[in-house]
């Protein structure tokens, strides 16, 4: 499955548009978040064409344990989204969570 985007969630408590589904596509994606810090954090994932509201979340304030522990990963698989929609990510600590989006856009 090809990587569509990857990197750190670079700001604390600010939603970042992390990936946008191409117009004319029918994407099916997997979203993987991994806490790479030594402290617990919470993460949120929303799908929307603009800045998300509370009703756009597929995960909200999900706790991730520190790096090296069993609960430091969140993965959502087979997320089908509409063309032009964006994956928005938010974390309680800057540069603490690595995000990977894999999938197909055909």
PDB file of N, CA and C in Angstrom:
ATOM      1  N   UNK A   1       0.844  -1.164   0.000  1.00  0.00           N
ATOM      2  CA  UNK A   1       0.000   0.000   0.000  1.00  0.00           C
ATOM      3  C   UNK A   1       0.897   1.237   0.000  1.00  0.00           C
ATOM      4  N   UNK A   2       0.724   2.155  -0.937  1.00  0.00           N
ATOM      5  CA  UNK A   2       1.604   3.316  -1.032  1.00  0.00           C
ATOM      6  C   UNK A   2       1.417   4.310   0.120  1.00  0.00           C
ATOM      7  N   UNK A   3       2.519   4.955   0.489  1.00  0.00           N
ATOM      8  CA  UNK A   3       2.469   6.035   1.475  1.00  0.00           C
ATOM      9  C   UNK A   3       1.970   7.291   0.781  1.00  0.00           C
ATOM     10  N   UNK A   4       0.941   7.918   1.360  1.00  0.00           N
ATOM     11  CA  UNK A   4       0.388   9.146   0.806  1.00  0.00           C
ATOM     12  C   UNK A   4       0.951  10.375   1.506  1.00  0.00           C
ATOM     13  N   UNK A   5       1.264  10.249   2.784  1.00  0.00           N
ATOM     14  CA  UNK A   5       1.940  11.308   3.535  1.00  0.00           C
ATOM     15  C   UNK A   5       2.439  10.731   4.851  1.00  0.00           C
ATOM     16  N   UNK A   6       3.509  11.322   5.363  1.00  0.00           N
ATOM     17  CA  UNK A   6       4.034  10.926   6.669  1.00  0.00           C
ATOM     18  C   UNK A   6       4.790  12.096   7.258  1.00  0.00           C
ATOM     19  N   UNK A   7       4.904  12.091   8.582  1.00  0.00           N
ATOM     20  CA  UNK A   7       5.633  13.152   9.270  1.00  0.00           C
ATOM     21  C   UNK A   7       5.147  13.300  10.687  1.00  0.00           C
ATOM     22  N   UNK A   8       5.667  14.306  11.378  1.00  0.00           N
ATOM     23  CA  UNK A   8       5.265  14.577  12.748  1.00  0.00           C
ATOM     24  C   UNK A   8       4.114  15.579  12.769  1.00  0.00           C
ATOM     25  N   UNK A   9       3.248  15.432  13.753  1.00  0.00           N
ATOM     26  CA  UNK A   9       2.249  16.466  14.011  1.00  0.00           C
ATOM     27  C   UNK A   9       3.024  17.585  14.704  1.00  0.00           C
ATOM     28  N   UNK A  10       3.246  18.686  14.007  1.00  0.00           N
ATOM     29  CA  UNK A  10       4.259  19.661  14.410  1.00  0.00           C
ATOM     30  C   UNK A  10       3.795  20.725  15.398  1.00  0.00           C
ATOM     31  N   UNK A  11       2.501  20.840  15.637  1.00  0.00           N
ATOM     32  CA  UNK A  11       2.015  21.853  16.565  1.00  0.00           C
ATOM     33  C   UNK A  11       1.165  21.207  17.650  1.00  0.00           C
ATOM     34  N   UNK A  12       1.177  21.790  18.824  1.00  0.00           N
ATOM     35  CA  UNK A  12       0.356  21.300  19.926  1.00  0.00           C
ATOM     36  C   UNK A  12      -1.020  21.965  19.892  1.00  0.00           C
ATOM     37  N   UNK A  13      -2.052  21.159  20.044  1.00  0.00           N
ATOM     38  CA  UNK A  13      -3.429  21.633  20.192  1.00  0.00           C
ATOM     39  C   UNK A  13      -3.932  22.486  19.031  1.00  0.00           C
ATOM     40  N   UNK A  14      -3.385  22.227  17.837  1.00  0.00           N
ATOM     41  CA  UNK A  14      -3.803  22.922  16.619  1.00  0.00           C
ATOM     42  C   UNK A  14      -4.078  21.866  15.556  1.00  0.00           C
ATOM     43  N   UNK A  15      -5.256  21.917  14.932  1.00  0.00           N
ATOM     44  CA  UNK A  15      -5.559  20.958  13.867  1.00  0.00           C
ATOM     45  C   UNK A  15      -4.727  21.270  12.637  1.00  0.00           C
ATOM     46  N   UNK A  16      -4.104  20.224  12.080  1.00  0.00           N
ATOM     47  CA  UNK A  16      -3.315  20.336  10.866  1.00  0.00           C
ATOM     48  C   UNK A  16      -3.989  19.525   9.768  1.00  0.00           C
ATOM     49  N   UNK A  17      -4.149  20.120   8.588  1.00  0.00           N
ATOM     50  CA  UNK A  17      -4.605  19.358   7.421  1.00  0.00           C
ATOM     51  C   UNK A  17      -3.413  18.534   6.968  1.00  0.00           C
ATOM     52  N   UNK A  18      -3.483  17.220   7.173  1.00  0.00           N
ATOM     53  CA  UNK A  18      -2.320  16.362   6.944  1.00  0.00           C
ATOM     54  C   UNK A  18      -2.310  15.732   5.560  1.00  0.00           C
ATOM     55  N   UNK A  19      -3.484  15.529   4.975  1.00  0.00           N
ATOM     56  CA  UNK A  19      -3.553  14.948   3.630  1.00  0.00           C
ATOM     57  C   UNK A  19      -4.906  15.298   3.028  1.00  0.00           C
ATOM     58  N   UNK A  20      -4.927  15.554   1.720  1.00  0.00           N
ATOM     59  CA  UNK A  20      -6.161  15.880   1.004  1.00  0.00           C
ATOM     60  C   UNK A  20      -6.393  14.851  -0.095  1.00  0.00           C
ATOM     61  N   UNK A  21      -7.600  14.311  -0.140  1.00  0.00           N
ATOM     62  CA  UNK A  21      -7.961  13.349  -1.190  1.00  0.00           C
ATOM     63  C   UNK A  21      -8.042  14.076  -2.532  1.00  0.00           C
ATOM     64  N   UNK A  22      -7.372  13.572  -3.550  1.00  0.00           N
ATOM     65  CA  UNK A  22      -7.412  14.225  -4.859  1.00  0.00           C
ATOM     66  C   UNK A  22      -8.829  14.276  -5.437  1.00  0.00           C
ATOM     67  N   UNK A  23      -9.127  15.356  -6.114  1.00  0.00           N
ATOM     68  CA  UNK A  23     -10.414  15.481  -6.806  1.00  0.00           C
ATOM     69  C   UNK A  23     -10.481  14.390  -7.868  1.00  0.00           C
ATOM     70  N   UNK A  24     -11.622  13.750  -7.977  1.00  0.00           N
ATOM     71  CA  UNK A  24     -11.807  12.674  -8.941  1.00  0.00           C
ATOM     72  C   UNK A  24     -11.364  11.316  -8.434  1.00  0.00           C
ATOM     73  N   UNK A  25     -10.946  11.240  -7.183  1.00  0.00           N
ATOM     74  CA  UNK A  25     -10.487   9.976  -6.615  1.00  0.00           C
ATOM     75  C   UNK A  25     -11.550   9.371  -5.707  1.00  0.00           C
ATOM     76  N   UNK A  26     -11.363   8.110  -5.367  1.00  0.00           N
ATOM     77  CA  UNK A  26     -12.198   7.404  -4.394  1.00  0.00           C
ATOM     78  C   UNK A  26     -11.276   6.721  -3.399  1.00  0.00           C
ATOM     79  N   UNK A  27     -10.652   7.499  -2.506  1.00  0.00           N
ATOM     80  CA  UNK A  27      -9.609   6.943  -1.663  1.00  0.00           C
ATOM     81  C   UNK A  27     -10.110   6.006  -0.564  1.00  0.00           C
ATOM     82  N   UNK A  28      -9.293   5.016  -0.295  1.00  0.00           N
ATOM     83  CA  UNK A  28      -9.423   4.160   0.875  1.00  0.00           C
ATOM     84  C   UNK A  28      -8.066   4.208   1.556  1.00  0.00           C
ATOM     85  N   UNK A  29      -8.043   4.699   2.800  1.00  0.00           N
ATOM     86  CA  UNK A  29      -6.769   4.958   3.455  1.00  0.00           C
ATOM     87  C   UNK A  29      -6.697   4.299   4.827  1.00  0.00           C
ATOM     88  N   UNK A  30      -5.465   4.140   5.290  1.00  0.00           N
ATOM     89  CA  UNK A  30      -5.167   3.735   6.656  1.00  0.00           C
ATOM     90  C   UNK A  30      -4.427   4.894   7.308  1.00  0.00           C
ATOM     91  N   UNK A  31      -4.791   5.193   8.555  1.00  0.00           N
ATOM     92  CA  UNK A  31      -4.153   6.267   9.314  1.00  0.00           C
ATOM     93  C   UNK A  31      -3.485   5.640  10.531  1.00  0.00           C
ATOM     94  N   UNK A  32      -2.182   5.843  10.676  1.00  0.00           N
ATOM     95  CA  UNK A  32      -1.438   5.291  11.794  1.00  0.00           C
ATOM     96  C   UNK A  32      -0.762   6.426  12.551  1.00  0.00           C
ATOM     97  N   UNK A  33      -0.980   6.474  13.868  1.00  0.00           N
ATOM     98  CA  UNK A  33      -0.358   7.478  14.726  1.00  0.00           C
ATOM     99  C   UNK A  33       0.458   6.764  15.797  1.00  0.00           C
ATOM    100  N   UNK A  34       1.687   7.207  16.000  1.00  0.00           N
ATOM    101  CA  UNK A  34       2.600   6.567  16.961  1.00  0.00           C
ATOM    102  C   UNK A  34       3.222   7.636  17.852  1.00  0.00           C
ATOM    103  N   UNK A  35       3.029   7.498  19.157  1.00  0.00           N
ATOM    104  CA  UNK A  35       3.653   8.413  20.105  1.00  0.00           C
ATOM    105  C   UNK A  35       5.147   8.110  20.156  1.00  0.00           C
ATOM    106  N   UNK A  36       5.967   9.079  19.782  1.00  0.00           N
ATOM    107  CA  UNK A  36       7.418   8.900  19.780  1.00  0.00           C
ATOM    108  C   UNK A  36       8.079   9.644  20.941  1.00  0.00           C
ATOM    109  N   UNK A  37       7.263  10.147  21.867  1.00  0.00           N
ATOM    110  CA  UNK A  37       7.794  10.881  23.011  1.00  0.00           C
ATOM    111  C   UNK A  37       7.763  10.017  24.274  1.00  0.00           C
ATOM    112  N   UNK A  38       8.387  10.511  25.326  1.00  0.00           N
ATOM    113  CA  UNK A  38       8.433   9.786  26.595  1.00  0.00           C
ATOM    114  C   UNK A  38       7.255  10.126  27.512  1.00  0.00           C
ATOM    115  N   UNK A  39       6.304  10.895  27.020  1.00  0.00           N
ATOM    116  CA  UNK A  39       5.157  11.297  27.833  1.00  0.00           C
ATOM    117  C   UNK A  39       3.855  10.885  27.145  1.00  0.00           C
ATOM    118  N   UNK A  40       2.811  10.630  27.898  1.00  0.00           N
ATOM    119  CA  UNK A  40       1.523  10.342  27.272  1.00  0.00           C
ATOM    120  C   UNK A  40       0.971  11.584  26.573  1.00  0.00           C
ATOM    121  N   UNK A  41       0.217  11.356  25.503  1.00  0.00           N
ATOM    122  CA  UNK A  41      -0.434  12.439  24.757  1.00  0.00           C
ATOM    123  C   UNK A  41      -1.844  11.997  24.386  1.00  0.00           C
ATOM    124  N   UNK A  42      -2.646  12.932  23.918  1.00  0.00           N
ATOM    125  CA  UNK A  42      -3.927  12.573  23.319  1.00  0.00           C
ATOM    126  C   UNK A  42      -3.939  13.100  21.891  1.00  0.00           C
ATOM    127  N   UNK A  43      -4.633  12.361  21.014  1.00  0.00           N
ATOM    128  CA  UNK A  43      -4.707  12.720  19.597  1.00  0.00           C
ATOM    129  C   UNK A  43      -6.160  12.723  19.137  1.00  0.00           C
ATOM    130  N   UNK A  44      -6.411  13.512  18.109  1.00  0.00           N
ATOM    131  CA  UNK A  44      -7.726  13.546  17.479  1.00  0.00           C
ATOM    132  C   UNK A  44      -7.549  13.449  15.976  1.00  0.00           C
ATOM    133  N   UNK A  45      -8.502  12.773  15.319  1.00  0.00           N
ATOM    134  CA  UNK A  45      -8.515  12.641  13.859  1.00  0.00           C
ATOM    135  C   UNK A  45      -9.894  13.082  13.380  1.00  0.00           C
ATOM    136  N   UNK A  46      -9.915  13.975  12.402  1.00  0.00           N
ATOM    137  CA  UNK A  46     -11.179  14.413  11.816  1.00  0.00           C
ATOM    138  C   UNK A  46     -11.064  14.369  10.294  1.00  0.00           C
ATOM    139  N   UNK A  47     -12.198  14.179   9.643  1.00  0.00           N
ATOM    140  CA  UNK A  47     -12.268  14.181   8.178  1.00  0.00           C
ATOM    141  C   UNK A  47     -13.248  15.272   7.769  1.00  0.00           C
ATOM    142  N   UNK A  48     -12.758  16.249   7.000  1.00  0.00           N
ATOM    143  CA  UNK A  48     -13.632  17.346   6.573  1.00  0.00           C
ATOM    144  C   UNK A  48     -12.950  18.102   5.440  1.00  0.00           C
ATOM    145  N   UNK A  49     -13.723  18.861   4.671  1.00  0.00           N
ATOM    146  CA  UNK A  49     -13.150  19.627   3.565  1.00  0.00           C
ATOM    147  C   UNK A  49     -12.600  20.975   4.024  1.00  0.00           C
ATOM    148  N   UNK A  50     -12.867  21.367   5.247  1.00  0.00           N
ATOM    149  CA  UNK A  50     -12.342  22.600   5.833  1.00  0.00           C
ATOM    150  C   UNK A  50     -12.020  22.329   7.285  1.00  0.00           C
ATOM    151  N   UNK A  51     -11.754  23.388   8.034  1.00  0.00           N
ATOM    152  CA  UNK A  51     -11.425  23.216   9.448  1.00  0.00           C
ATOM    153  C   UNK A  51     -12.544  22.419  10.126  1.00  0.00           C
ATOM    154  N   UNK A  52     -12.193  21.328  10.809  1.00  0.00           N
ATOM    155  CA  UNK A  52     -13.220  20.432  11.344  1.00  0.00           C
ATOM    156  C   UNK A  52     -13.939  20.989  12.574  1.00  0.00           C
ATOM    157  N   UNK A  53     -15.159  20.479  12.747  1.00  0.00           N
ATOM    158  CA  UNK A  53     -15.931  20.742  13.952  1.00  0.00           C
ATOM    159  C   UNK A  53     -16.064  19.424  14.702  1.00  0.00           C
ATOM    160  N   UNK A  54     -16.700  19.441  15.837  1.00  0.00           N
ATOM    161  CA  UNK A  54     -16.772  18.251  16.688  1.00  0.00           C
ATOM    162  C   UNK A  54     -17.412  17.056  15.968  1.00  0.00           C
ATOM    163  N   UNK A  55     -18.357  17.289  15.081  1.00  0.00           N
ATOM    164  CA  UNK A  55     -19.032  16.200  14.388  1.00  0.00           C
ATOM    165  C   UNK A  55     -18.239  15.555  13.271  1.00  0.00           C
ATOM    166  N   UNK A  56     -17.052  16.060  12.976  1.00  0.00           N
ATOM    167  CA  UNK A  56     -16.229  15.533  11.881  1.00  0.00           C
ATOM    168  C   UNK A  56     -15.186  14.522  12.335  1.00  0.00           C
ATOM    169  N   UNK A  57     -15.162  14.193  13.618  1.00  0.00           N
ATOM    170  CA  UNK A  57     -14.125  13.327  14.174  1.00  0.00           C
ATOM    171  C   UNK A  57     -14.410  11.840  13.980  1.00  0.00           C
ATOM    172  N   UNK A  58     -13.326  11.092  13.722  1.00  0.00           N
ATOM    173  CA  UNK A  58     -13.412   9.628  13.789  1.00  0.00           C
ATOM    174  C   UNK A  58     -12.683   9.126  15.040  1.00  0.00           C
ATOM    175  N   UNK A  59     -11.853   9.974  15.645  1.00  0.00           N
ATOM    176  CA  UNK A  59     -11.259   9.750  16.967  1.00  0.00           C
ATOM    177  C   UNK A  59     -11.171  11.117  17.627  1.00  0.00           C
ATOM    178  N   UNK A  60     -11.479  11.171  18.920  1.00  0.00           N
ATOM    179  CA  UNK A  60     -11.434  12.448  19.626  1.00  0.00           C
ATOM    180  C   UNK A  60     -10.773  12.263  20.983  1.00  0.00           C
ATOM    181  N   UNK A  61      -9.675  12.970  21.170  1.00  0.00           N
ATOM    182  CA  UNK A  61      -8.919  12.932  22.433  1.00  0.00           C
ATOM    183  C   UNK A  61      -8.592  11.504  22.859  1.00  0.00           C
ATOM    184  N   UNK A  62      -8.069  10.738  21.903  1.00  0.00           N
ATOM    185  CA  UNK A  62      -7.679   9.352  22.150  1.00  0.00           C
ATOM    186  C   UNK A  62      -6.322   9.345  22.849  1.00  0.00           C
ATOM    187  N   UNK A  63      -6.185   8.645  23.983  1.00  0.00           N
ATOM    188  CA  UNK A  63      -4.902   8.639  24.697  1.00  0.00           C
ATOM    189  C   UNK A  63      -3.892   7.680  24.069  1.00  0.00           C
ATOM    190  N   UNK A  64      -2.671   8.164  23.915  1.00  0.00           N
ATOM    191  CA  UNK A  64      -1.554   7.322  23.476  1.00  0.00           C
ATOM    192  C   UNK A  64      -0.518   7.291  24.588  1.00  0.00           C
ATOM    193  N   UNK A  65      -0.112   6.105  24.960  1.00  0.00           N
ATOM    194  CA  UNK A  65       0.908   5.934  25.992  1.00  0.00           C
ATOM    195  C   UNK A  65       2.280   6.342  25.457  1.00  0.00           C
ATOM    196  N   UNK A  66       3.264   6.508  26.340  1.00  0.00           N
ATOM    197  CA  UNK A  66       4.612   6.906  25.912  1.00  0.00           C
ATOM    198  C   UNK A  66       5.256   5.888  24.962  1.00  0.00           C
ATOM    199  N   UNK A  67       6.257   6.354  24.230  1.00  0.00           N
ATOM    200  CA  UNK A  67       7.022   5.494  23.315  1.00  0.00           C
ATOM    201  C   UNK A  67       7.552   4.283  24.060  1.00  0.00           C
ATOM    202  N   UNK A  68       7.563   3.152  23.382  1.00  0.00           N
ATOM    203  CA  UNK A  68       8.098   1.934  23.961  1.00  0.00           C
ATOM    204  C   UNK A  68       7.105   1.146  24.794  1.00  0.00           C
ATOM    205  N   UNK A  69       5.870   1.625  24.881  1.00  0.00           N
ATOM    206  CA  UNK A  69       4.845   0.903  25.630  1.00  0.00           C
ATOM    207  C   UNK A  69       3.804   0.348  24.664  1.00  0.00           C
ATOM    208  N   UNK A  70       3.014  -0.562  25.155  1.00  0.00           N
ATOM    209  CA  UNK A  70       2.066  -1.264  24.290  1.00  0.00           C
ATOM    210  C   UNK A  70       0.970  -0.360  23.718  1.00  0.00           C
ATOM    211  N   UNK A  71       0.582   0.673  24.411  1.00  0.00           N
ATOM    212  CA  UNK A  71      -0.523   1.521  23.961  1.00  0.00           C
ATOM    213  C   UNK A  71      -0.100   2.798  23.276  1.00  0.00           C
ATOM    214  N   UNK A  72       1.060   2.787  22.598  1.00  0.00           N
ATOM    215  CA  UNK A  72       1.532   4.033  21.992  1.00  0.00           C
ATOM    216  C   UNK A  72       1.160   4.187  20.521  1.00  0.00           C
ATOM    217  N   UNK A  73       0.284   3.318  19.996  1.00  0.00           N
ATOM    218  CA  UNK A  73      -0.101   3.383  18.580  1.00  0.00           C
ATOM    219  C   UNK A  73      -1.615   3.377  18.442  1.00  0.00           C
ATOM    220  N   UNK A  74      -2.106   4.191  17.516  1.00  0.00           N
ATOM    221  CA  UNK A  74      -3.510   4.174  17.105  1.00  0.00           C
ATOM    222  C   UNK A  74      -3.527   3.984  15.599  1.00  0.00           C
ATOM    223  N   UNK A  75      -4.315   3.014  15.136  1.00  0.00           N
ATOM    224  CA  UNK A  75      -4.435   2.797  13.695  1.00  0.00           C
ATOM    225  C   UNK A  75      -5.898   2.680  13.325  1.00  0.00           C
ATOM    226  N   UNK A  76      -6.299   3.447  12.319  1.00  0.00           N
ATOM    227  CA  UNK A  76      -7.634   3.347  11.746  1.00  0.00           C
ATOM    228  C   UNK A  76      -7.453   2.864  10.313  1.00  0.00           C
ATOM    229  N   UNK A  77      -8.097   1.740   9.969  1.00  0.00           N
ATOM    230  CA  UNK A  77      -7.904   1.145   8.648  1.00  0.00           C
ATOM    231  C   UNK A  77      -9.172   1.235   7.821  1.00  0.00           C
ATOM    232  N   UNK A  78      -8.983   1.150   6.514  1.00  0.00           N
ATOM    233  CA  UNK A  78     -10.089   1.128   5.540  1.00  0.00           C
ATOM    234  C   UNK A  78     -11.025   2.321   5.702  1.00  0.00           C
ATOM    235  N   UNK A  79     -10.447   3.504   5.846  1.00  0.00           N
ATOM    236  CA  UNK A  79     -11.240   4.727   5.952  1.00  0.00           C
ATOM    237  C   UNK A  79     -11.509   5.216   4.532  1.00  0.00           C
ATOM    238  N   UNK A  80     -12.761   5.156   4.120  1.00  0.00           N
ATOM    239  CA  UNK A  80     -13.151   5.630   2.786  1.00  0.00           C
ATOM    240  C   UNK A  80     -13.599   7.083   2.908  1.00  0.00           C
ATOM    241  N   UNK A  81     -12.988   7.957   2.112  1.00  0.00           N
ATOM    242  CA  UNK A  81     -13.365   9.365   2.169  1.00  0.00           C
ATOM    243  C   UNK A  81     -13.672   9.884   0.769  1.00  0.00           C
ATOM    244  N   UNK A  82     -14.380  10.971   0.726  1.00  0.00           N
ATOM    245  CA  UNK A  82     -14.801  11.566  -0.542  1.00  0.00           C
ATOM    246  C   UNK A  82     -13.683  12.407  -1.147  1.00  0.00           C
ATOM    247  N   UNK A  83     -13.721  12.604  -2.473  1.00  0.00           N
ATOM    248  CA  UNK A  83     -12.734  13.467  -3.128  1.00  0.00           C
ATOM    249  C   UNK A  83     -12.751  14.869  -2.520  1.00  0.00           C
ATOM    250  N   UNK A  84     -11.584  15.450  -2.339  1.00  0.00           N
ATOM    251  CA  UNK A  84     -11.467  16.797  -1.794  1.00  0.00           C
ATOM    252  C   UNK A  84     -11.516  16.878  -0.277  1.00  0.00           C
ATOM    253  N   UNK A  85     -11.839  15.775   0.386  1.00  0.00           N
ATOM    254  CA  UNK A  85     -11.873  15.782   1.847  1.00  0.00           C
ATOM    255  C   UNK A  85     -10.442  15.733   2.387  1.00  0.00           C
ATOM    256  N   UNK A  86     -10.253  16.244   3.602  1.00  0.00           N
ATOM    257  CA  UNK A  86      -8.935  16.296   4.213  1.00  0.00           C
ATOM    258  C   UNK A  86      -8.908  15.493   5.504  1.00  0.00           C
ATOM    259  N   UNK A  87      -7.743  14.924   5.795  1.00  0.00           N
ATOM    260  CA  UNK A  87      -7.492  14.286   7.081  1.00  0.00           C
ATOM    261  C   UNK A  87      -6.845  15.346   7.968  1.00  0.00           C
ATOM    262  N   UNK A  88      -7.506  15.650   9.072  1.00  0.00           N
ATOM    263  CA  UNK A  88      -7.022  16.642  10.039  1.00  0.00           C
ATOM    264  C   UNK A  88      -6.537  15.925  11.284  1.00  0.00           C
ATOM    265  N   UNK A  89      -5.360  16.302  11.787  1.00  0.00           N
ATOM    266  CA  UNK A  89      -4.783  15.676  12.975  1.00  0.00           C
ATOM    267  C   UNK A  89      -4.485  16.734  14.022  1.00  0.00           C
ATOM    268  N   UNK A  90      -4.637  16.342  15.291  1.00  0.00           N
ATOM    269  CA  UNK A  90      -4.337  17.232  16.403  1.00  0.00           C
ATOM    270  C   UNK A  90      -3.732  16.407  17.530  1.00  0.00           C
ATOM    271  N   UNK A  91      -2.770  16.983  18.231  1.00  0.00           N
ATOM    272  CA  UNK A  91      -2.081  16.298  19.336  1.00  0.00           C
ATOM    273  C   UNK A  91      -1.828  17.308  20.450  1.00  0.00           C
ATOM    274  N   UNK A  92      -1.772  16.823  21.677  1.00  0.00           N
ATOM    275  CA  UNK A  92      -1.554  17.713  22.813  1.00  0.00           C
ATOM    276  C   UNK A  92      -0.104  18.143  22.997  1.00  0.00           C
ATOM    277  N   UNK A  93       0.807  17.613  22.202  1.00  0.00           N
ATOM    278  CA  UNK A  93       2.218  17.980  22.320  1.00  0.00           C
ATOM    279  C   UNK A  93       2.854  18.049  20.930  1.00  0.00           C
ATOM    280  N   UNK A  94       3.581  19.116  20.656  1.00  0.00           N
ATOM    281  CA  UNK A  94       4.230  19.286  19.352  1.00  0.00           C
ATOM    282  C   UNK A  94       5.329  18.251  19.140  1.00  0.00           C
ATOM    283  N   UNK A  95       5.406  17.722  17.934  1.00  0.00           N
ATOM    284  CA  UNK A  95       6.456  16.788  17.511  1.00  0.00           C
ATOM    285  C   UNK A  95       6.531  15.516  18.358  1.00  0.00           C
ATOM    286  N   UNK A  96       5.412  15.132  18.959  1.00  0.00           N
ATOM    287  CA  UNK A  96       5.381  13.939  19.806  1.00  0.00           C
ATOM    288  C   UNK A  96       4.793  12.728  19.093  1.00  0.00           C
ATOM    289  N   UNK A  97       4.093  12.961  17.979  1.00  0.00           N
ATOM    290  CA  UNK A  97       3.390  11.866  17.308  1.00  0.00           C
ATOM    291  C   UNK A  97       3.761  11.827  15.827  1.00  0.00           C
ATOM    292  N   UNK A  98       4.211  10.644  15.405  1.00  0.00           N
ATOM    293  CA  UNK A  98       4.471  10.400  13.982  1.00  0.00           C
ATOM    294  C   UNK A  98       3.201   9.894  13.328  1.00  0.00           C
ATOM    295  N   UNK A  99       2.857  10.479  12.208  1.00  0.00           N
ATOM    296  CA  UNK A  99       1.645  10.098  11.481  1.00  0.00           C
ATOM    297  C   UNK A  99       2.028   9.534  10.120  1.00  0.00           C
ATOM    298  N   UNK A 100       1.353   8.467   9.721  1.00  0.00           N
ATOM    299  CA  UNK A 100       1.533   7.859   8.404  1.00  0.00           C
ATOM    300  C   UNK A 100       0.162   7.626   7.810  1.00  0.00           C
ATOM    301  N   UNK A 101      -0.016   8.058   6.576  1.00  0.00           N
ATOM    302  CA  UNK A 101      -1.250   7.783   5.841  1.00  0.00           C
ATOM    303  C   UNK A 101      -0.867   6.957   4.629  1.00  0.00           C
ATOM    304  N   UNK A 102      -1.448   5.773   4.542  1.00  0.00           N
ATOM    305  CA  UNK A 102      -1.217   4.846   3.431  1.00  0.00           C
ATOM    306  C   UNK A 102      -2.545   4.606   2.754  1.00  0.00           C
ATOM    307  N   UNK A 103      -2.513   4.297   1.471  1.00  0.00           N
ATOM    308  CA  UNK A 103      -3.767   3.943   0.831  1.00  0.00           C
ATOM    309  C   UNK A 103      -3.732   4.019  -0.672  1.00  0.00           C
ATOM    310  N   UNK A 104      -4.927   3.913  -1.225  1.00  0.00           N
ATOM    311  CA  UNK A 104      -5.122   3.938  -2.671  1.00  0.00           C
ATOM    312  C   UNK A 104      -6.089   5.050  -3.002  1.00  0.00           C
ATOM    313  N   UNK A 105      -5.826   5.774  -4.078  1.00  0.00           N
ATOM    314  CA  UNK A 105      -6.668   6.918  -4.455  1.00  0.00           C
ATOM    315  C   UNK A 105      -7.434   6.687  -5.754  1.00  0.00           C
ATOM    316  N   UNK A 106      -7.420   5.475  -6.286  1.00  0.00           N
ATOM    317  CA  UNK A 106      -8.114   5.213  -7.541  1.00  0.00           C
ATOM    318  C   UNK A 106      -9.595   5.068  -7.319  1.00  0.00           C
TER     319      UNK A 106
END
